[in-house]
């Protein structure tokens, strides 16, 4: 399985943080709750059922940890989410490097 590959699978397990999709590999692909729908997902069971057939795009493959991450969103929505996460990570890193109550001097 490679990043970017689109696969058909079946919902194997549902958790509070996402769904594991059986894509025919030794390992199920985790689709995080934020990548199930563009709508706000409060309860995954409102969107997915065990055994339901779904299409998943593989967005991450970790050979060492033997994990797959997938998405049910379109490519553009995933790119937007990735950019937002990168921005938030950079902001958190800057806040951490400045200290919680410190601000840069101007």
N, C-alpha and C. Protein backbone atom coordinates (compact mmCIF):
# COMPACT_ATOMS: atom_id res chain seq x y z
N UNK A 1 0.85 -1.19 0.00
CA UNK A 1 0.00 0.00 0.00
C UNK A 1 0.89 1.24 0.00
N UNK A 2 0.50 2.22 -0.79
CA UNK A 2 1.30 3.44 -0.90
C UNK A 2 0.45 4.67 -0.58
N UNK A 3 1.11 5.72 -0.09
CA UNK A 3 0.45 6.99 0.15
C UNK A 3 -0.21 7.48 -1.12
N UNK A 4 -1.43 7.98 -1.00
CA UNK A 4 -2.16 8.49 -2.15
C UNK A 4 -3.05 7.45 -2.82
N UNK A 5 -2.84 6.19 -2.50
CA UNK A 5 -3.62 5.11 -3.10
C UNK A 5 -5.05 5.16 -2.58
N UNK A 6 -5.99 4.96 -3.48
CA UNK A 6 -7.40 4.93 -3.09
C UNK A 6 -7.87 3.49 -3.09
N UNK A 7 -8.44 3.08 -1.96
CA UNK A 7 -8.84 1.69 -1.77
C UNK A 7 -10.28 1.60 -1.30
N UNK A 8 -10.91 0.49 -1.64
CA UNK A 8 -12.22 0.19 -1.09
C UNK A 8 -12.02 -0.71 0.12
N UNK A 9 -12.82 -0.49 1.12
CA UNK A 9 -12.71 -1.30 2.32
C UNK A 9 -14.01 -1.34 3.07
N UNK A 10 -13.97 -2.05 4.20
CA UNK A 10 -15.15 -2.16 5.05
C UNK A 10 -14.80 -1.68 6.45
N UNK A 11 -15.75 -1.01 7.07
CA UNK A 11 -15.56 -0.53 8.43
C UNK A 11 -15.45 -1.74 9.35
N UNK A 12 -14.29 -1.87 10.01
CA UNK A 12 -14.04 -3.02 10.89
C UNK A 12 -14.35 -2.69 12.34
N UNK A 13 -13.95 -1.48 12.79
CA UNK A 13 -14.16 -1.07 14.19
C UNK A 13 -14.40 0.44 14.22
N UNK A 14 -15.19 0.84 15.20
CA UNK A 14 -15.44 2.27 15.41
C UNK A 14 -15.03 2.61 16.83
N UNK A 15 -14.28 3.71 16.97
CA UNK A 15 -13.87 4.19 18.30
C UNK A 15 -14.33 5.63 18.43
N UNK A 16 -14.07 6.23 19.58
CA UNK A 16 -14.46 7.63 19.78
C UNK A 16 -13.61 8.58 18.94
N UNK A 17 -12.43 8.15 18.51
CA UNK A 17 -11.52 9.02 17.78
C UNK A 17 -11.44 8.72 16.28
N UNK A 18 -12.11 7.69 15.81
CA UNK A 18 -12.07 7.36 14.40
C UNK A 18 -12.60 5.98 14.10
N UNK A 19 -12.36 5.54 12.88
CA UNK A 19 -12.82 4.22 12.45
C UNK A 19 -11.65 3.47 11.80
N UNK A 20 -11.60 2.18 12.05
CA UNK A 20 -10.59 1.33 11.44
C UNK A 20 -11.24 0.64 10.24
N UNK A 21 -10.61 0.80 9.10
CA UNK A 21 -11.15 0.28 7.85
C UNK A 21 -10.29 -0.87 7.36
N UNK A 22 -10.92 -2.02 7.11
CA UNK A 22 -10.24 -3.18 6.55
C UNK A 22 -10.07 -2.93 5.06
N UNK A 23 -8.83 -2.67 4.66
CA UNK A 23 -8.53 -2.39 3.25
C UNK A 23 -7.83 -3.56 2.59
N UNK A 24 -7.87 -4.73 3.23
CA UNK A 24 -7.29 -5.93 2.63
C UNK A 24 -5.81 -6.10 2.90
N UNK A 25 -5.27 -5.39 3.87
CA UNK A 25 -3.85 -5.52 4.25
C UNK A 25 -3.78 -6.24 5.59
N UNK A 26 -2.56 -6.45 6.07
CA UNK A 26 -2.38 -7.05 7.38
C UNK A 26 -2.84 -6.13 8.49
N UNK A 27 -2.99 -4.87 8.16
CA UNK A 27 -3.32 -3.85 9.15
C UNK A 27 -4.48 -3.01 8.64
N UNK A 28 -5.40 -2.64 9.52
CA UNK A 28 -6.52 -1.78 9.13
C UNK A 28 -6.05 -0.33 9.08
N UNK A 29 -6.66 0.46 8.22
CA UNK A 29 -6.34 1.88 8.10
C UNK A 29 -7.21 2.66 9.09
N UNK A 30 -6.58 3.52 9.87
CA UNK A 30 -7.32 4.38 10.78
C UNK A 30 -7.74 5.65 10.05
N UNK A 31 -9.03 5.92 10.05
CA UNK A 31 -9.54 7.19 9.54
C UNK A 31 -9.94 8.01 10.76
N UNK A 32 -9.16 9.07 11.04
CA UNK A 32 -9.44 9.92 12.20
C UNK A 32 -10.79 10.59 12.03
N UNK A 33 -11.44 10.89 13.14
CA UNK A 33 -12.78 11.51 13.13
C UNK A 33 -12.81 12.78 12.26
N UNK A 34 -11.70 13.52 12.22
CA UNK A 34 -11.66 14.76 11.44
C UNK A 34 -11.58 14.51 9.94
N UNK A 35 -11.36 13.25 9.54
CA UNK A 35 -11.22 12.94 8.12
C UNK A 35 -12.33 12.01 7.61
N UNK A 36 -13.43 11.95 8.37
CA UNK A 36 -14.57 11.13 7.94
C UNK A 36 -15.52 11.93 7.07
N UNK A 37 -15.77 13.17 7.43
CA UNK A 37 -16.71 14.00 6.69
C UNK A 37 -16.31 15.46 6.84
N UNK A 38 -16.72 16.27 5.86
CA UNK A 38 -16.48 17.70 5.98
C UNK A 38 -17.45 18.32 6.97
N UNK A 39 -18.52 17.61 7.28
CA UNK A 39 -19.45 18.07 8.30
C UNK A 39 -18.84 17.79 9.67
N UNK A 40 -19.30 18.50 10.68
CA UNK A 40 -18.84 18.25 12.05
C UNK A 40 -19.33 16.87 12.47
N UNK A 41 -18.40 16.03 12.91
CA UNK A 41 -18.74 14.66 13.34
C UNK A 41 -18.69 14.61 14.86
N UNK A 42 -19.87 14.54 15.47
CA UNK A 42 -19.93 14.40 16.93
C UNK A 42 -19.93 12.93 17.30
N UNK A 43 -20.72 12.16 16.55
CA UNK A 43 -20.83 10.72 16.80
C UNK A 43 -20.56 9.99 15.48
N UNK A 44 -19.47 9.26 15.45
CA UNK A 44 -19.07 8.56 14.23
C UNK A 44 -20.17 7.61 13.75
N UNK A 45 -20.91 7.05 14.70
CA UNK A 45 -21.98 6.11 14.35
C UNK A 45 -23.08 6.75 13.52
N UNK A 46 -23.16 8.08 13.50
CA UNK A 46 -24.12 8.77 12.64
C UNK A 46 -23.66 8.76 11.17
N UNK A 47 -22.37 8.47 10.94
CA UNK A 47 -21.80 8.50 9.60
C UNK A 47 -21.40 7.12 9.08
N UNK A 48 -20.98 6.24 9.99
CA UNK A 48 -20.47 4.93 9.59
C UNK A 48 -21.09 3.81 10.43
N UNK A 49 -21.19 2.64 9.82
CA UNK A 49 -21.67 1.44 10.51
C UNK A 49 -20.66 0.32 10.27
N UNK A 50 -20.51 -0.57 11.22
CA UNK A 50 -19.64 -1.73 11.07
C UNK A 50 -20.08 -2.51 9.83
N UNK A 51 -19.12 -2.88 8.99
CA UNK A 51 -19.42 -3.64 7.78
C UNK A 51 -19.73 -2.78 6.56
N UNK A 52 -19.92 -1.49 6.76
CA UNK A 52 -20.23 -0.58 5.65
C UNK A 52 -19.04 -0.49 4.70
N UNK A 53 -19.30 -0.52 3.41
CA UNK A 53 -18.24 -0.37 2.41
C UNK A 53 -17.98 1.11 2.19
N UNK A 54 -16.69 1.48 2.19
CA UNK A 54 -16.30 2.87 2.03
C UNK A 54 -15.06 2.96 1.14
N UNK A 55 -14.83 4.14 0.59
CA UNK A 55 -13.60 4.41 -0.15
C UNK A 55 -12.68 5.23 0.73
N UNK A 56 -11.42 4.82 0.78
CA UNK A 56 -10.44 5.47 1.64
C UNK A 56 -9.19 5.79 0.82
N UNK A 57 -8.67 6.99 1.00
CA UNK A 57 -7.38 7.34 0.40
C UNK A 57 -6.34 7.25 1.50
N UNK A 58 -5.27 6.53 1.24
CA UNK A 58 -4.20 6.37 2.21
C UNK A 58 -3.39 7.66 2.25
N UNK A 59 -3.28 8.25 3.45
CA UNK A 59 -2.55 9.52 3.58
C UNK A 59 -1.23 9.35 4.33
N UNK A 60 -1.04 8.20 4.97
CA UNK A 60 0.21 7.97 5.68
C UNK A 60 0.44 6.47 5.84
N UNK A 61 1.69 6.07 5.61
CA UNK A 61 2.09 4.67 5.80
C UNK A 61 3.33 4.69 6.69
N UNK A 62 3.26 4.00 7.82
CA UNK A 62 4.42 3.92 8.72
C UNK A 62 4.83 2.46 8.82
N UNK A 63 5.89 2.11 8.08
CA UNK A 63 6.36 0.73 8.03
C UNK A 63 6.90 0.24 9.36
N UNK A 64 7.55 1.12 10.12
CA UNK A 64 8.12 0.73 11.41
C UNK A 64 7.02 0.40 12.42
N UNK A 65 6.03 1.29 12.51
CA UNK A 65 4.93 1.08 13.46
C UNK A 65 3.85 0.16 12.90
N UNK A 66 3.96 -0.12 11.60
CA UNK A 66 2.97 -0.93 10.90
C UNK A 66 1.56 -0.34 11.04
N UNK A 67 1.46 0.95 10.66
CA UNK A 67 0.17 1.63 10.72
C UNK A 67 -0.15 2.29 9.39
N UNK A 68 -1.44 2.40 9.12
CA UNK A 68 -1.94 3.11 7.95
C UNK A 68 -2.92 4.17 8.43
N UNK A 69 -2.83 5.34 7.85
CA UNK A 69 -3.82 6.39 8.12
C UNK A 69 -4.54 6.67 6.82
N UNK A 70 -5.84 6.83 6.93
CA UNK A 70 -6.64 7.06 5.74
C UNK A 70 -7.53 8.26 5.88
N UNK A 71 -8.16 8.63 4.79
CA UNK A 71 -9.09 9.74 4.77
C UNK A 71 -10.25 9.41 3.84
N UNK A 72 -11.41 9.89 4.23
CA UNK A 72 -12.59 9.77 3.38
C UNK A 72 -12.94 11.12 2.76
N UNK A 73 -12.11 12.14 3.01
CA UNK A 73 -12.33 13.47 2.46
C UNK A 73 -11.72 13.56 1.07
N UNK A 74 -12.11 14.57 0.34
CA UNK A 74 -11.49 14.84 -0.95
C UNK A 74 -10.08 15.37 -0.74
N UNK A 75 -9.28 15.33 -1.78
CA UNK A 75 -7.89 15.77 -1.69
C UNK A 75 -7.77 17.22 -1.21
N UNK A 76 -8.61 18.11 -1.73
CA UNK A 76 -8.53 19.51 -1.36
C UNK A 76 -8.82 19.70 0.13
N UNK A 77 -9.80 19.00 0.64
CA UNK A 77 -10.12 19.11 2.06
C UNK A 77 -8.97 18.60 2.91
N UNK A 78 -8.33 17.52 2.49
CA UNK A 78 -7.18 17.00 3.22
C UNK A 78 -6.02 17.99 3.19
N UNK A 79 -5.78 18.60 2.03
CA UNK A 79 -4.70 19.57 1.93
C UNK A 79 -4.96 20.76 2.86
N UNK A 80 -6.22 21.20 2.94
CA UNK A 80 -6.58 22.29 3.84
C UNK A 80 -6.31 21.89 5.28
N UNK A 81 -6.75 20.69 5.68
CA UNK A 81 -6.51 20.22 7.04
C UNK A 81 -5.02 20.13 7.35
N UNK A 82 -4.25 19.63 6.42
CA UNK A 82 -2.80 19.52 6.63
C UNK A 82 -2.17 20.90 6.83
N UNK A 83 -2.58 21.88 6.01
CA UNK A 83 -2.04 23.23 6.15
C UNK A 83 -2.42 23.82 7.50
N UNK A 84 -3.67 23.65 7.92
CA UNK A 84 -4.13 24.17 9.22
C UNK A 84 -3.33 23.54 10.35
N UNK A 85 -3.09 22.24 10.28
CA UNK A 85 -2.33 21.56 11.34
C UNK A 85 -0.89 22.06 11.37
N UNK A 86 -0.30 22.29 10.20
CA UNK A 86 1.07 22.81 10.16
C UNK A 86 1.14 24.19 10.79
N UNK A 87 0.18 25.06 10.48
CA UNK A 87 0.14 26.41 11.05
C UNK A 87 -0.01 26.34 12.56
N UNK A 88 -0.94 25.52 13.03
CA UNK A 88 -1.15 25.39 14.48
C UNK A 88 0.09 24.84 15.17
N UNK A 89 0.75 23.89 14.55
CA UNK A 89 1.97 23.33 15.14
C UNK A 89 3.05 24.40 15.25
N UNK A 90 3.23 25.19 14.18
CA UNK A 90 4.23 26.27 14.23
C UNK A 90 3.88 27.29 15.31
N UNK A 91 2.60 27.64 15.44
CA UNK A 91 2.18 28.59 16.48
C UNK A 91 2.47 28.03 17.87
N UNK A 92 2.17 26.76 18.07
CA UNK A 92 2.43 26.14 19.37
C UNK A 92 3.92 26.10 19.67
N UNK A 93 4.73 25.81 18.66
CA UNK A 93 6.18 25.77 18.86
C UNK A 93 6.71 27.15 19.23
N UNK A 94 6.20 28.19 18.57
CA UNK A 94 6.62 29.56 18.90
C UNK A 94 6.21 29.92 20.32
N UNK A 95 4.99 29.59 20.71
CA UNK A 95 4.52 29.89 22.06
C UNK A 95 5.38 29.16 23.08
N UNK A 96 5.70 27.92 22.77
CA UNK A 96 6.53 27.13 23.68
C UNK A 96 7.93 27.74 23.81
N UNK A 97 8.50 28.18 22.70
CA UNK A 97 9.84 28.74 22.74
C UNK A 97 9.87 30.10 23.44
N UNK A 98 8.76 30.83 23.42
CA UNK A 98 8.68 32.13 24.09
C UNK A 98 8.33 31.98 25.57
N UNK A 99 7.73 30.87 25.92
CA UNK A 99 7.22 30.70 27.27
C UNK A 99 5.75 31.06 27.27
N UNK A 100 5.02 30.51 28.20
CA UNK A 100 3.57 30.66 28.21
C UNK A 100 3.13 32.12 28.36
N UNK A 101 3.81 32.90 29.21
CA UNK A 101 3.36 34.27 29.48
C UNK A 101 4.25 35.32 28.83
N UNK A 102 5.27 34.90 28.09
CA UNK A 102 6.17 35.86 27.48
C UNK A 102 5.76 36.18 26.06
N UNK A 103 6.05 37.40 25.66
CA UNK A 103 5.79 37.83 24.29
C UNK A 103 7.08 38.39 23.74
N UNK A 104 7.28 38.32 22.44
CA UNK A 104 8.52 38.87 21.88
C UNK A 104 8.56 40.38 22.08
N UNK A 105 9.74 40.92 22.34
CA UNK A 105 9.90 42.35 22.52
C UNK A 105 9.96 43.00 21.15
N UNK A 106 9.30 44.15 21.04
CA UNK A 106 9.29 44.86 19.76
C UNK A 106 10.12 46.10 19.83
